[in-house]
Protein backbone atom coordinates (compact mmCIF):
# COMPACT_ATOMS: atom_id res chain seq x y z
CA TYR A 1 72.47 161.95 -5.28
CA TRP A 2 73.43 158.49 -4.08
CA LEU A 3 70.58 156.89 -6.00
CA GLY A 4 71.51 158.79 -9.17
CA GLY A 5 75.16 157.78 -8.84
CA PHE A 6 74.22 154.17 -8.16
CA LEU A 7 71.90 154.06 -11.18
CA ALA A 8 74.64 155.59 -13.36
CA TYR A 9 77.05 152.91 -12.09
CA GLY A 10 74.54 150.18 -12.93
CA LEU A 11 73.94 151.63 -16.40
CA SER A 12 77.67 151.82 -17.07
CA LEU A 13 78.00 148.16 -16.02
CA LEU A 14 75.22 147.20 -18.44
CA ILE A 15 76.90 149.11 -21.28
CA THR A 16 80.30 147.63 -20.42
CA ILE A 17 78.94 144.09 -20.42
CA GLY A 18 76.30 144.35 -23.14
CA PHE A 19 77.74 146.77 -25.68
CA PHE A 20 81.49 146.39 -25.23
CA GLN A 21 81.28 142.67 -24.42
CA VAL A 22 83.70 142.95 -21.49
CA PRO A 23 83.73 139.60 -19.72
CA VAL A 24 82.77 139.81 -16.06
CA ARG A 25 83.88 136.92 -13.92
CA GLY A 26 82.47 138.28 -10.63
CA ASP A 27 78.86 138.03 -9.58
CA LEU A 28 76.49 140.95 -10.05
CA PHE A 29 75.68 141.20 -6.33
CA SER A 30 79.34 141.86 -5.47
CA LEU A 31 79.56 144.48 -8.19
CA LEU A 32 76.44 146.21 -6.87
CA ILE A 33 77.74 146.20 -3.28
CA LEU A 34 80.93 147.85 -4.47
CA GLY A 35 79.06 150.37 -6.64
CA GLY A 36 76.69 151.31 -3.85
CA ALA A 37 79.51 151.85 -1.37
CA PHE A 38 81.59 153.83 -3.86
CA SER A 39 78.64 156.01 -4.87
CA PHE A 40 78.01 156.76 -1.19
CA ALA A 41 81.65 157.78 -0.65
CA VAL A 42 81.58 160.05 -3.71
CA VAL A 43 78.38 161.70 -2.47
CA GLY A 44 80.23 162.41 0.77
CA VAL A 45 83.11 164.00 -1.16
CA GLY A 46 80.66 166.12 -3.15
CA ALA A 47 78.81 167.21 -0.01
CA LEU A 48 82.07 168.24 1.63
CA TYR A 49 83.12 170.31 -1.38
CA SER A 50 79.67 171.93 -1.47
CA ALA A 51 79.95 172.80 2.21
CA LEU A 52 83.39 174.32 1.72
CA ALA A 53 82.47 176.33 -1.37
CA PRO A 54 81.35 179.93 -0.88
CA ASP A 55 79.04 179.81 -3.92
CA GLU A 56 77.73 177.57 -6.71
CA VAL A 57 80.60 178.30 -9.10
CA TYR A 58 83.21 177.15 -6.60
CA ALA A 59 81.07 174.15 -5.73
CA ILE A 60 81.49 173.04 -9.34
CA GLN A 61 85.15 174.04 -9.70
CA LEU A 62 86.56 172.66 -6.43
CA PRO A 63 85.94 168.97 -7.21
CA MET A 64 88.02 169.37 -10.38
CA LEU A 65 91.05 169.72 -8.11
CA TYR A 66 90.20 166.31 -6.68
CA ILE A 67 89.35 164.34 -9.80
CA MET A 68 92.74 164.15 -11.53
CA PRO A 69 94.86 163.35 -8.47
CA SER A 70 92.35 160.72 -7.36
CA PHE A 71 92.54 159.05 -10.75
CA LEU A 72 96.35 159.17 -10.85
CA TYR A 73 96.87 157.91 -7.29
CA SER A 74 94.13 155.27 -7.33
CA GLY A 75 96.45 152.56 -8.59
CA TYR A 76 94.82 152.61 -11.99
CA SER A 77 97.65 154.47 -13.74
CA TRP A 78 100.49 152.64 -12.02
CA PRO A 79 100.53 150.01 -9.25
CA HIS A 80 100.69 150.97 -5.59
CA MET A 81 103.88 149.00 -5.11
CA ALA A 82 105.62 151.39 -7.55
CA MET A 83 104.50 154.47 -5.59
CA GLY A 84 106.60 156.23 -2.99
CA ASP A 85 105.50 156.79 0.60
CA PHE A 86 103.87 160.15 -0.10
CA ALA A 87 101.92 158.83 -3.09
CA SER A 88 100.82 155.72 -1.17
CA THR A 89 99.59 157.82 1.74
CA LEU A 90 97.74 160.18 -0.59
CA SER A 91 96.25 157.19 -2.37
CA ALA A 92 94.86 155.82 0.90
CA LEU A 93 92.91 159.06 1.39
CA MET A 94 91.00 158.70 -1.88
CA PRO A 95 87.87 156.52 -2.09
CA ILE A 96 88.49 155.50 -5.70
CA THR A 97 91.56 153.53 -4.56
CA TYR A 98 89.38 151.06 -2.68
CA ALA A 99 86.84 150.79 -5.48
CA THR A 100 89.37 150.19 -8.28
CA ASP A 101 91.21 147.43 -6.43
CA SER A 102 88.04 145.44 -5.80
CA LEU A 103 86.51 146.19 -9.20
CA ARG A 104 89.64 144.97 -10.99
CA ASP A 105 89.64 141.77 -8.91
CA LEU A 106 85.94 141.14 -9.57
CA LEU A 107 86.21 141.70 -13.31
CA LEU A 108 89.41 139.77 -13.91
CA ALA A 109 89.49 137.06 -11.24
CA GLY A 110 85.81 136.77 -10.32
CA TYR A 111 86.51 137.28 -6.64
CA SER A 112 87.82 140.13 -4.54
CA PRO A 113 89.23 139.06 -1.18
CA ALA A 114 89.05 142.68 0.01
CA LEU A 115 85.52 143.42 -1.30
CA TYR A 116 83.79 143.68 2.07
CA LYS A 117 86.71 145.44 3.75
CA ASN A 118 86.97 147.98 0.91
CA SER A 119 83.18 148.44 0.80
CA PHE A 120 83.19 149.06 4.55
CA ILE A 121 85.99 151.62 4.16
CA LEU A 122 83.98 153.36 1.41
CA VAL A 123 80.87 153.51 3.59
CA VAL A 124 82.95 154.94 6.45
CA PHE A 125 84.39 157.52 4.03
CA GLY A 126 80.84 158.49 3.05
CA LEU A 127 79.63 158.71 6.64
CA VAL A 128 82.60 160.75 7.87
CA LEU A 129 82.62 163.16 4.92
CA SER A 130 78.83 163.58 4.98
CA GLY A 131 78.97 164.17 8.73
CA ILE A 132 81.66 166.83 8.36
CA ALA A 133 79.66 168.44 5.55
CA ALA A 134 76.49 168.44 7.68
CA LEU A 135 78.38 170.11 10.54
CA LEU A 136 79.78 172.74 8.16
CA PHE A 137 76.34 173.42 6.67
CA HIS A 138 74.89 173.69 10.18
CA TYR A 139 77.66 176.09 11.23
CA GLN A 140 77.14 178.24 8.14
CA ARG A 141 73.39 178.34 8.68
CA ARG A 142 73.79 179.35 12.33
CA LYS A 143 76.25 182.04 11.28
CA LEU A 144 73.76 183.34 8.73
CA GLU A 145 70.92 183.34 11.28
CA ARG A 146 72.99 185.44 13.68
CA ARG A 147 73.35 188.27 11.16
CA PRO A 148 71.18 191.32 11.70
CA SER A 149 68.11 191.33 9.45
CA HIS A 150 69.34 194.28 7.32
CA ASP A 151 72.49 192.25 6.45
CA LEU A 152 70.33 189.36 5.30
CA VAL A 153 68.46 191.60 2.87
CA GLU A 154 71.75 192.82 1.41
CA HIS A 155 73.02 189.23 1.16
CA CYS A 156 70.04 188.09 -0.88
């Protein structure tokens, strides 16, 4: 999933630069570091939602509850300095916040002073969320293995 997300990020960069002629002042390597870290964090979010969902339908529906607030609180809609304490705290818990700040700096100024810090935070987000998801999947699997065999047949 990370590779697919990273390739989609790269393709969207190519379309943004080539088709829409958006000027990019930052170097491609910095943009790829940011995209790779952000894709990893998003994969962690997706894995956590999949681990929490009881079935495939919920696994698709649950992330929808995350998408809109993450977009609104990322600093893209209005600046962080205009947000209250609650909104700022909520914003800090969403990976897109760290990606949008650095991406905006790279595109407009050519340099993001927080690129490596934000990329590190995104990688930590991905590791923590993926780790929690792995523990939840492991717990669910162990719980399923403990069921009597006649319950497993009914479950399938």
